[in-house]
PDB file of N, CA and C in Angstrom:
ATOM      1  N   MET A   1      65.077  77.351  99.284  1.00  0.00           N
ATOM      2  CA  MET A   1      65.277  78.851  98.963  1.00  0.00           C
ATOM      3  C   MET A   1      65.472  78.692  97.240  1.00  0.00           C
ATOM      4  N   ILE A   2      64.585  80.031  96.739  1.00  0.00           N
ATOM      5  CA  ILE A   2      64.606  80.115  95.204  1.00  0.00           C
ATOM      6  C   ILE A   2      64.846  81.595  95.295  1.00  0.00           C
ATOM      7  N   LEU A   3      65.217  81.913  94.067  1.00  0.00           N
ATOM      8  CA  LEU A   3      65.707  83.269  93.695  1.00  0.00           C
ATOM      9  C   LEU A   3      65.129  83.878  92.788  1.00  0.00           C
ATOM     10  N   GLU A   4      64.255  84.887  92.496  1.00  0.00           N
ATOM     11  CA  GLU A   4      63.373  85.536  91.468  1.00  0.00           C
ATOM     12  C   GLU A   4      64.353  86.432  90.811  1.00  0.00           C
ATOM     13  N   HIS A   5      64.455  86.258  89.460  1.00  0.00           N
ATOM     14  CA  HIS A   5      65.105  87.421  88.858  1.00  0.00           C
ATOM     15  C   HIS A   5      64.253  87.992  88.059  1.00  0.00           C
ATOM     16  N   ALA A   6      64.638  89.175  87.542  1.00  0.00           N
ATOM     17  CA  ALA A   6      63.905  90.017  86.504  1.00  0.00           C
ATOM     18  C   ALA A   6      64.843  91.216  86.217  1.00  0.00           C
ATOM     19  N   ILE A   7      65.073  91.453  84.964  1.00  0.00           N
ATOM     20  CA  ILE A   7      65.923  92.725  84.640  1.00  0.00           C
ATOM     21  C   ILE A   7      64.216  93.765  84.433  1.00  0.00           C
ATOM     22  N   LEU A   8      64.816  94.596  85.027  1.00  0.00           N
ATOM     23  CA  LEU A   8      63.775  95.969  85.049  1.00  0.00           C
ATOM     24  C   LEU A   8      64.044  96.996  84.180  1.00  0.00           C
ATOM     25  N   PRO A   9      63.664  97.339  83.222  1.00  0.00           N
ATOM     26  CA  PRO A   9      63.876  98.103  82.082  1.00  0.00           C
ATOM     27  C   PRO A   9      62.922  99.561  82.643  1.00  0.00           C
ATOM     28  N   VAL A  10      63.819 100.286  83.037  1.00  0.00           N
ATOM     29  CA  VAL A  10      62.839 101.439  83.783  1.00  0.00           C
ATOM     30  C   VAL A  10      62.959 102.519  83.297  1.00  0.00           C
ATOM     31  N   VAL A  11      61.850 103.303  83.340  1.00  0.00           N
ATOM     32  CA  VAL A  11      61.577 104.541  82.394  1.00  0.00           C
ATOM     33  C   VAL A  11      62.289 105.516  83.302  1.00  0.00           C
ATOM     34  N   PRO A  12      63.164 106.723  82.577  1.00  0.00           N
ATOM     35  CA  PRO A  12      64.033 107.335  83.427  1.00  0.00           C
ATOM     36  C   PRO A  12      63.101 108.387  84.147  1.00  0.00           C
ATOM     37  N   GLY A  13      63.422 108.383  85.524  1.00  0.00           N
ATOM     38  CA  GLY A  13      63.123 109.653  86.334  1.00  0.00           C
ATOM     39  C   GLY A  13      61.736 108.860  87.454  1.00  0.00           C
ATOM     40  N   ARG A  14      61.708 107.367  87.229  1.00  0.00           N
ATOM     41  CA  ARG A  14      60.817 106.644  87.769  1.00  0.00           C
ATOM     42  C   ARG A  14      61.263 105.673  88.910  1.00  0.00           C
ATOM     43  N   GLU A  15      62.702 106.260  89.028  1.00  0.00           N
ATOM     44  CA  GLU A  15      63.461 104.916  89.961  1.00  0.00           C
ATOM     45  C   GLU A  15      63.468 105.238  91.430  1.00  0.00           C
ATOM     46  N   ALA A  16      62.496 106.449  91.839  1.00  0.00           N
ATOM     47  CA  ALA A  16      62.223 106.479  93.554  1.00  0.00           C
ATOM     48  C   ALA A  16      61.024 105.368  93.635  1.00  0.00           C
ATOM     49  N   ALA A  17      60.121 105.207  93.140  1.00  0.00           N
ATOM     50  CA  ALA A  17      59.152 104.253  93.571  1.00  0.00           C
ATOM     51  C   ALA A  17      59.275 103.304  94.053  1.00  0.00           C
ATOM     52  N   PHE A  18      60.618 102.433  93.710  1.00  0.00           N
ATOM     53  CA  PHE A  18      60.899 101.156  94.386  1.00  0.00           C
ATOM     54  C   PHE A  18      61.131 101.166  95.917  1.00  0.00           C
ATOM     55  N   ALA A  19      61.812 102.498  96.795  1.00  0.00           N
ATOM     56  CA  ALA A  19      61.780 102.710  97.832  1.00  0.00           C
ATOM     57  C   ALA A  19      60.421 102.320  99.135  1.00  0.00           C
ATOM     58  N   GLU A  20      59.302 102.521  98.006  1.00  0.00           N
ATOM     59  CA  GLU A  20      57.976 102.036  98.784  1.00  0.00           C
ATOM     60  C   GLU A  20      57.386 100.851  98.872  1.00  0.00           C
ATOM     61  N   ALA A  21      57.905 100.504  97.470  1.00  0.00           N
ATOM     62  CA  ALA A  21      57.735  99.269  97.048  1.00  0.00           C
ATOM     63  C   ALA A  21      58.298  98.033  97.814  1.00  0.00           C
ATOM     64  N   LYS A  22      59.649  98.294  98.194  1.00  0.00           N
ATOM     65  CA  LYS A  22      60.363  97.470  98.644  1.00  0.00           C
ATOM     66  C   LYS A  22      59.534  97.059 100.184  1.00  0.00           C
ATOM     67  N   ALA A  23      59.363  98.236 101.213  1.00  0.00           N
ATOM     68  CA  ALA A  23      58.444  97.516 102.539  1.00  0.00           C
ATOM     69  C   ALA A  23      57.177  96.867 102.312  1.00  0.00           C
ATOM     70  N   ILE A  24      56.585  96.907 101.354  1.00  0.00           N
ATOM     71  CA  ILE A  24      55.253  96.152 101.027  1.00  0.00           C
ATOM     72  C   ILE A  24      56.284  94.909 100.724  1.00  0.00           C
ATOM     73  N   ILE A  25      56.778  94.167  99.560  1.00  0.00           N
ATOM     74  CA  ILE A  25      57.244  92.837  99.534  1.00  0.00           C
ATOM     75  C   ILE A  25      58.222  92.289 100.721  1.00  0.00           C
ATOM     76  N   ALA A  26      59.033  92.942 101.244  1.00  0.00           N
ATOM     77  CA  ALA A  26      59.548  92.716 102.625  1.00  0.00           C
ATOM     78  C   ALA A  26      58.661  92.190 103.791  1.00  0.00           C
ATOM     79  N   ALA A  27      57.149  92.770 103.896  1.00  0.00           N
ATOM     80  CA  ALA A  27      56.558  92.166 104.829  1.00  0.00           C
ATOM     81  C   ALA A  27      55.608  90.979 104.337  1.00  0.00           C
ATOM     82  N   MET A  28      56.303  90.258 103.195  1.00  0.00           N
ATOM     83  CA  MET A  28      55.451  89.025 102.628  1.00  0.00           C
ATOM     84  C   MET A  28      56.154  87.725 103.400  1.00  0.00           C
ATOM     85  N   PRO A  29      54.880  86.974 103.774  1.00  0.00           N
ATOM     86  CA  PRO A  29      55.325  85.521 104.457  1.00  0.00           C
ATOM     87  C   PRO A  29      56.192  85.198 103.178  1.00  0.00           C
ATOM     88  N   GLY A  30      57.518  84.521 103.672  1.00  0.00           N
ATOM     89  CA  GLY A  30      58.202  83.856 102.509  1.00  0.00           C
ATOM     90  C   GLY A  30      59.351  84.276 102.255  1.00  0.00           C
ATOM     91  N   PHE A  31      59.313  85.901 102.150  1.00  0.00           N
ATOM     92  CA  PHE A  31      60.013  86.588 101.806  1.00  0.00           C
ATOM     93  C   PHE A  31      61.342  86.407 102.686  1.00  0.00           C
ATOM     94  N   GLY A  32      62.777  86.653 101.812  1.00  0.00           N
ATOM     95  CA  GLY A  32      63.838  86.102 102.502  1.00  0.00           C
ATOM     96  C   GLY A  32      65.169  86.946 101.899  1.00  0.00           C
ATOM     97  N   GLY A  33      64.816  88.120 101.411  1.00  0.00           N
ATOM     98  CA  GLY A  33      65.439  89.425 101.047  1.00  0.00           C
ATOM     99  C   GLY A  33      65.652  89.435  99.525  1.00  0.00           C
ATOM    100  N   LEU A  34      66.054  90.641  99.248  1.00  0.00           N
ATOM    101  CA  LEU A  34      66.378  91.480  97.886  1.00  0.00           C
ATOM    102  C   LEU A  34      67.264  92.096  97.533  1.00  0.00           C
ATOM    103  N   GLU A  35      67.841  92.262  96.444  1.00  0.00           N
ATOM    104  CA  GLU A  35      68.874  93.142  95.996  1.00  0.00           C
ATOM    105  C   GLU A  35      68.565  93.593  94.885  1.00  0.00           C
ATOM    106  N   LEU A  36      68.829  95.441  94.429  1.00  0.00           N
ATOM    107  CA  LEU A  36      68.535  95.671  93.153  1.00  0.00           C
ATOM    108  C   LEU A  36      69.733  96.261  92.508  1.00  0.00           C
ATOM    109  N   SER A  37      70.149  96.197  91.785  1.00  0.00           N
ATOM    110  CA  SER A  37      71.229  96.747  90.967  1.00  0.00           C
ATOM    111  C   SER A  37      71.348  97.278  89.795  1.00  0.00           C
ATOM    112  N   ARG A  38      71.764  98.408  89.884  1.00  0.00           N
ATOM    113  CA  ARG A  38      71.797  98.934  88.104  1.00  0.00           C
ATOM    114  C   ARG A  38      73.175  98.718  87.418  1.00  0.00           C
ATOM    115  N   SER A  39      72.618  98.819  85.670  1.00  0.00           N
ATOM    116  CA  SER A  39      73.425  98.147  85.178  1.00  0.00           C
ATOM    117  C   SER A  39      74.204  99.216  84.667  1.00  0.00           C
ATOM    118  N   ILE A  40      75.813  98.865  84.587  1.00  0.00           N
ATOM    119  CA  ILE A  40      76.882 100.054  84.238  1.00  0.00           C
ATOM    120  C   ILE A  40      76.585 100.459  82.643  1.00  0.00           C
ATOM    121  N   GLU A  41      76.347  99.263  81.903  1.00  0.00           N
ATOM    122  CA  GLU A  41      76.598  99.503  80.406  1.00  0.00           C
ATOM    123  C   GLU A  41      75.124  99.957  80.118  1.00  0.00           C
ATOM    124  N   THR A  42      74.055  99.667  80.887  1.00  0.00           N
ATOM    125  CA  THR A  42      72.789 100.400  80.469  1.00  0.00           C
ATOM    126  C   THR A  42      71.906 100.976  81.399  1.00  0.00           C
ATOM    127  N   PRO A  43      72.242 101.948  81.839  1.00  0.00           N
ATOM    128  CA  PRO A  43      71.884 102.653  83.306  1.00  0.00           C
ATOM    129  C   PRO A  43      70.306 102.651  83.437  1.00  0.00           C
ATOM    130  N   ASN A  44      69.627 102.661  82.540  1.00  0.00           N
ATOM    131  CA  ASN A  44      68.184 102.276  82.761  1.00  0.00           C
ATOM    132  C   ASN A  44      67.734 101.190  83.309  1.00  0.00           C
ATOM    133  N   GLU A  45      68.775 100.272  83.055  1.00  0.00           N
ATOM    134  CA  GLU A  45      67.867  98.931  83.434  1.00  0.00           C
ATOM    135  C   GLU A  45      68.446  98.104  84.944  1.00  0.00           C
ATOM    136  N   TYR A  46      68.002  97.874  85.430  1.00  0.00           N
ATOM    137  CA  TYR A  46      68.116  97.450  87.012  1.00  0.00           C
ATOM    138  C   TYR A  46      67.966  95.576  87.203  1.00  0.00           C
ATOM    139  N   LEU A  47      68.542  94.952  87.562  1.00  0.00           N
ATOM    140  CA  LEU A  47      68.640  93.702  88.372  1.00  0.00           C
ATOM    141  C   LEU A  47      68.197  93.508  89.459  1.00  0.00           C
ATOM    142  N   LEU A  48      66.901  92.596  89.572  1.00  0.00           N
ATOM    143  CA  LEU A  48      66.136  92.794  91.098  1.00  0.00           C
ATOM    144  C   LEU A  48      66.226  91.456  91.044  1.00  0.00           C
ATOM    145  N   LEU A  49      66.727  90.837  92.450  1.00  0.00           N
ATOM    146  CA  LEU A  49      66.974  89.433  92.747  1.00  0.00           C
ATOM    147  C   LEU A  49      66.094  89.356  94.100  1.00  0.00           C
ATOM    148  N   VAL A  50      65.307  88.492  94.131  1.00  0.00           N
ATOM    149  CA  VAL A  50      64.334  88.254  95.344  1.00  0.00           C
ATOM    150  C   VAL A  50      64.289  86.748  96.096  1.00  0.00           C
ATOM    151  N   ARG A  51      64.796  86.684  97.062  1.00  0.00           N
ATOM    152  CA  ARG A  51      64.916  85.421  97.399  1.00  0.00           C
ATOM    153  C   ARG A  51      63.705  85.097  98.176  1.00  0.00           C
ATOM    154  N   TRP A  52      62.825  83.904  98.055  1.00  0.00           N
ATOM    155  CA  TRP A  52      61.696  83.524  98.803  1.00  0.00           C
ATOM    156  C   TRP A  52      61.972  82.223  98.964  1.00  0.00           C
ATOM    157  N   GLU A  53      61.221  81.840  99.860  1.00  0.00           N
ATOM    158  CA  GLU A  53      61.062  80.328 100.599  1.00  0.00           C
ATOM    159  C   GLU A  53      60.563  79.217  99.344  1.00  0.00           C
ATOM    160  N   SER A  54      59.815  79.412  99.144  1.00  0.00           N
ATOM    161  CA  SER A  54      59.352  78.876  97.492  1.00  0.00           C
ATOM    162  C   SER A  54      59.067  79.737  96.354  1.00  0.00           C
ATOM    163  N   VAL A  55      58.437  79.078  95.097  1.00  0.00           N
ATOM    164  CA  VAL A  55      57.942  79.866  94.258  1.00  0.00           C
ATOM    165  C   VAL A  55      56.274  80.005  94.599  1.00  0.00           C
ATOM    166  N   GLU A  56      55.809  79.225  95.780  1.00  0.00           N
ATOM    167  CA  GLU A  56      54.387  79.813  95.997  1.00  0.00           C
ATOM    168  C   GLU A  56      54.794  80.501  96.944  1.00  0.00           C
ATOM    169  N   ALA A  57      55.526  81.111  97.379  1.00  0.00           N
ATOM    170  CA  ALA A  57      55.567  82.377  98.395  1.00  0.00           C
ATOM    171  C   ALA A  57      55.581  83.606  97.346  1.00  0.00           C
ATOM    172  N   HIS A  58      56.054  83.497  96.411  1.00  0.00           N
ATOM    173  CA  HIS A  58      55.751  84.587  95.364  1.00  0.00           C
ATOM    174  C   HIS A  58      54.677  84.221  94.726  1.00  0.00           C
ATOM    175  N   ASP A  59      54.599  83.446  94.181  1.00  0.00           N
ATOM    176  CA  ASP A  59      53.047  83.224  93.130  1.00  0.00           C
ATOM    177  C   ASP A  59      52.821  82.046  93.360  1.00  0.00           C
ATOM    178  N   PRO A  60      51.227  81.802  94.109  1.00  0.00           N
ATOM    179  CA  PRO A  60      50.243  82.890  94.093  1.00  0.00           C
ATOM    180  C   PRO A  60      50.471  83.724  95.330  1.00  0.00           C
ATOM    181  N   GLY A  61      51.381  83.174  96.208  1.00  0.00           N
ATOM    182  CA  GLY A  61      51.278  84.072  97.751  1.00  0.00           C
ATOM    183  C   GLY A  61      51.435  85.521  97.664  1.00  0.00           C
ATOM    184  N   PHE A  62      52.967  86.261  97.079  1.00  0.00           N
ATOM    185  CA  PHE A  62      52.886  87.808  96.837  1.00  0.00           C
ATOM    186  C   PHE A  62      51.634  88.201  95.751  1.00  0.00           C
ATOM    187  N   ARG A  63      51.776  87.598  94.933  1.00  0.00           N
ATOM    188  CA  ARG A  63      51.072  87.883  93.659  1.00  0.00           C
ATOM    189  C   ARG A  63      49.621  87.801  93.800  1.00  0.00           C
ATOM    190  N   GLY A  64      49.249  87.074  94.703  1.00  0.00           N
ATOM    191  CA  GLY A  64      47.512  86.623  94.899  1.00  0.00           C
ATOM    192  C   GLY A  64      47.216  87.730  96.165  1.00  0.00           C
ATOM    193  N   SER A  65      48.110  88.430  96.740  1.00  0.00           N
ATOM    194  CA  SER A  65      47.706  89.137  98.036  1.00  0.00           C
ATOM    195  C   SER A  65      47.431  90.660  97.696  1.00  0.00           C
ATOM    196  N   ALA A  66      46.686  91.066  98.732  1.00  0.00           N
ATOM    197  CA  ALA A  66      45.699  92.209  98.679  1.00  0.00           C
ATOM    198  C   ALA A  66      47.229  93.702  98.290  1.00  0.00           C
ATOM    199  N   GLN A  67      48.297  93.358  98.921  1.00  0.00           N
ATOM    200  CA  GLN A  67      49.509  94.239  99.069  1.00  0.00           C
ATOM    201  C   GLN A  67      50.062  94.389  97.728  1.00  0.00           C
ATOM    202  N   TYR A  68      49.875  92.981  97.022  1.00  0.00           N
ATOM    203  CA  TYR A  68      50.303  93.205  95.357  1.00  0.00           C
ATOM    204  C   TYR A  68      49.539  94.404  94.817  1.00  0.00           C
ATOM    205  N   GLY A  69      48.389  94.722  95.214  1.00  0.00           N
ATOM    206  CA  GLY A  69      47.676  95.518  94.129  1.00  0.00           C
ATOM    207  C   GLY A  69      48.671  96.950  94.294  1.00  0.00           C
ATOM    208  N   ARG A  70      49.173  97.133  95.576  1.00  0.00           N
ATOM    209  CA  ARG A  70      49.891  98.582  96.111  1.00  0.00           C
ATOM    210  C   ARG A  70      50.912  98.494  95.049  1.00  0.00           C
ATOM    211  N   TRP A  71      51.371  97.364  95.207  1.00  0.00           N
ATOM    212  CA  TRP A  71      52.812  97.180  94.760  1.00  0.00           C
ATOM    213  C   TRP A  71      52.893  97.518  93.229  1.00  0.00           C
ATOM    214  N   ARG A  72      51.990  96.727  92.608  1.00  0.00           N
ATOM    215  CA  ARG A  72      51.557  97.091  91.019  1.00  0.00           C
ATOM    216  C   ARG A  72      51.296  98.502  90.913  1.00  0.00           C
ATOM    217  N   GLU A  73      50.647  99.240  91.906  1.00  0.00           N
ATOM    218  CA  GLU A  73      50.230 100.426  91.648  1.00  0.00           C
ATOM    219  C   GLU A  73      51.509 101.154  91.359  1.00  0.00           C
ATOM    220  N   LEU A  74      52.504 101.077  92.128  1.00  0.00           N
ATOM    221  CA  LEU A  74      53.656 102.033  92.569  1.00  0.00           C
ATOM    222  C   LEU A  74      54.599 101.317  91.303  1.00  0.00           C
ATOM    223  N   LEU A  75      54.928 100.359  90.988  1.00  0.00           N
ATOM    224  CA  LEU A  75      55.672 100.100  89.777  1.00  0.00           C
ATOM    225  C   LEU A  75      55.565  99.638  88.860  1.00  0.00           C
ATOM    226  N   HIS A  76      54.196  99.026  88.146  1.00  0.00           N
ATOM    227  CA  HIS A  76      54.147  98.673  87.070  1.00  0.00           C
ATOM    228  C   HIS A  76      53.966  99.574  85.727  1.00  0.00           C
ATOM    229  N   GLY A  77      53.776 100.807  86.291  1.00  0.00           N
ATOM    230  CA  GLY A  77      54.011 101.951  84.934  1.00  0.00           C
ATOM    231  C   GLY A  77      55.124 102.534  85.046  1.00  0.00           C
ATOM    232  N   PHE A  78      56.456 101.646  85.880  1.00  0.00           N
ATOM    233  CA  PHE A  78      57.786 102.246  85.660  1.00  0.00           C
ATOM    234  C   PHE A  78      58.737 101.263  85.079  1.00  0.00           C
ATOM    235  N   TYR A  79      58.094 100.435  84.400  1.00  0.00           N
ATOM    236  CA  TYR A  79      58.783  99.570  83.222  1.00  0.00           C
ATOM    237  C   TYR A  79      58.359  99.489  82.049  1.00  0.00           C
ATOM    238  N   ALA A  80      59.347  99.456  80.993  1.00  0.00           N
ATOM    239  CA  ALA A  80      59.156  99.605  79.692  1.00  0.00           C
ATOM    240  C   ALA A  80      60.226  98.945  78.895  1.00  0.00           C
ATOM    241  N   PRO A  81      59.691  97.955  78.616  1.00  0.00           N
ATOM    242  CA  PRO A  81      58.174  97.005  78.608  1.00  0.00           C
ATOM    243  C   PRO A  81      58.578  96.361  79.673  1.00  0.00           C
ATOM    244  N   PHE A  82      57.462  95.471  80.160  1.00  0.00           N
ATOM    245  CA  PHE A  82      57.106  94.751  81.444  1.00  0.00           C
ATOM    246  C   PHE A  82      58.229  93.668  81.644  1.00  0.00           C
ATOM    247  N   PRO A  83      58.735  93.552  82.450  1.00  0.00           N
ATOM    248  CA  PRO A  83      59.930  92.336  82.698  1.00  0.00           C
ATOM    249  C   PRO A  83      59.321  90.980  82.447  1.00  0.00           C
ATOM    250  N   VAL A  84      60.313  90.156  82.285  1.00  0.00           N
ATOM    251  CA  VAL A  84      59.993  88.830  82.356  1.00  0.00           C
ATOM    252  C   VAL A  84      60.847  88.265  83.637  1.00  0.00           C
ATOM    253  N   VAL A  85      59.942  87.416  84.525  1.00  0.00           N
ATOM    254  CA  VAL A  85      60.163  86.993  85.658  1.00  0.00           C
ATOM    255  C   VAL A  85      60.658  85.507  85.717  1.00  0.00           C
ATOM    256  N   GLU A  86      61.539  85.230  86.048  1.00  0.00           N
ATOM    257  CA  GLU A  86      61.937  83.648  86.062  1.00  0.00           C
ATOM    258  C   GLU A  86      62.560  83.421  87.501  1.00  0.00           C
ATOM    259  N   HIS A  87      62.669  82.257  87.871  1.00  0.00           N
ATOM    260  CA  HIS A  87      62.636  81.326  89.220  1.00  0.00           C
ATOM    261  C   HIS A  87      63.804  80.755  89.247  1.00  0.00           C
ATOM    262  N   PHE A  88      65.158  80.498  90.453  1.00  0.00           N
ATOM    263  CA  PHE A  88      65.958  79.804  89.964  1.00  0.00           C
ATOM    264  C   PHE A  88      66.412  79.091  91.537  1.00  0.00           C
ATOM    265  N   THR A  89      66.951  77.941  91.320  1.00  0.00           N
ATOM    266  CA  THR A  89      67.080  76.991  92.679  1.00  0.00           C
ATOM    267  C   THR A  89      68.825  76.771  92.316  1.00  0.00           C
ATOM    268  N   GLY A  90      69.407  76.259  93.561  1.00  0.00           N
ATOM    269  CA  GLY A  90      70.886  76.541  93.737  1.00  0.00           C
ATOM    270  C   GLY A  90      71.242  75.222  92.912  1.00  0.00           C
ATOM    271  N   VAL A  91      72.347  75.224  92.205  1.00  0.00           N
ATOM    272  CA  VAL A  91      72.861  73.768  92.080  1.00  0.00           C
ATOM    273  C   VAL A  91      74.269  73.460  92.483  1.00  0.00           C
ATOM    274  N   ALA A  92      74.316  72.114  93.039  1.00  0.00           N
ATOM    275  CA  ALA A  92      75.658  71.758  93.600  1.00  0.00           C
ATOM    276  C   ALA A  92      76.639  71.734  92.679  1.00  0.00           C
ATOM    277  N   LEU A  93      77.636  72.101  92.567  1.00  0.00           N
ATOM    278  CA  LEU A  93      78.581  72.164  91.870  1.00  0.00           C
ATOM    279  C   LEU A  93      79.795  71.138  92.409  1.00  0.00           C
ATOM    280  N   ALA A  94      80.470  69.891  91.684  1.00  0.00           N
ATOM    281  CA  ALA A  94      81.410  69.138  92.136  1.00  0.00           C
ATOM    282  C   ALA A  94      82.582  69.619  92.259  1.00  0.00           C
TER     283      ALA A  94
END
């Protein structure tokens, strides 16, 4: 399982678009859940964490799908600037 991380700088007033987008991503193969949190210090910034079975489930899986077009339509105008997306894997601590 990997964790996708993105800080979303949201244009004020555009926050509601994520509700429909959540249903799109949740239906994708390899999707394992998501969490969306709002910054206390910077209220227009959100932390998106998405769990995927693999990096490939996200890209090219989700990003290469027809459903990604609708996701893009809903959300890509709601960021200013466009977010950096990174993938993380768990680390065993001794």
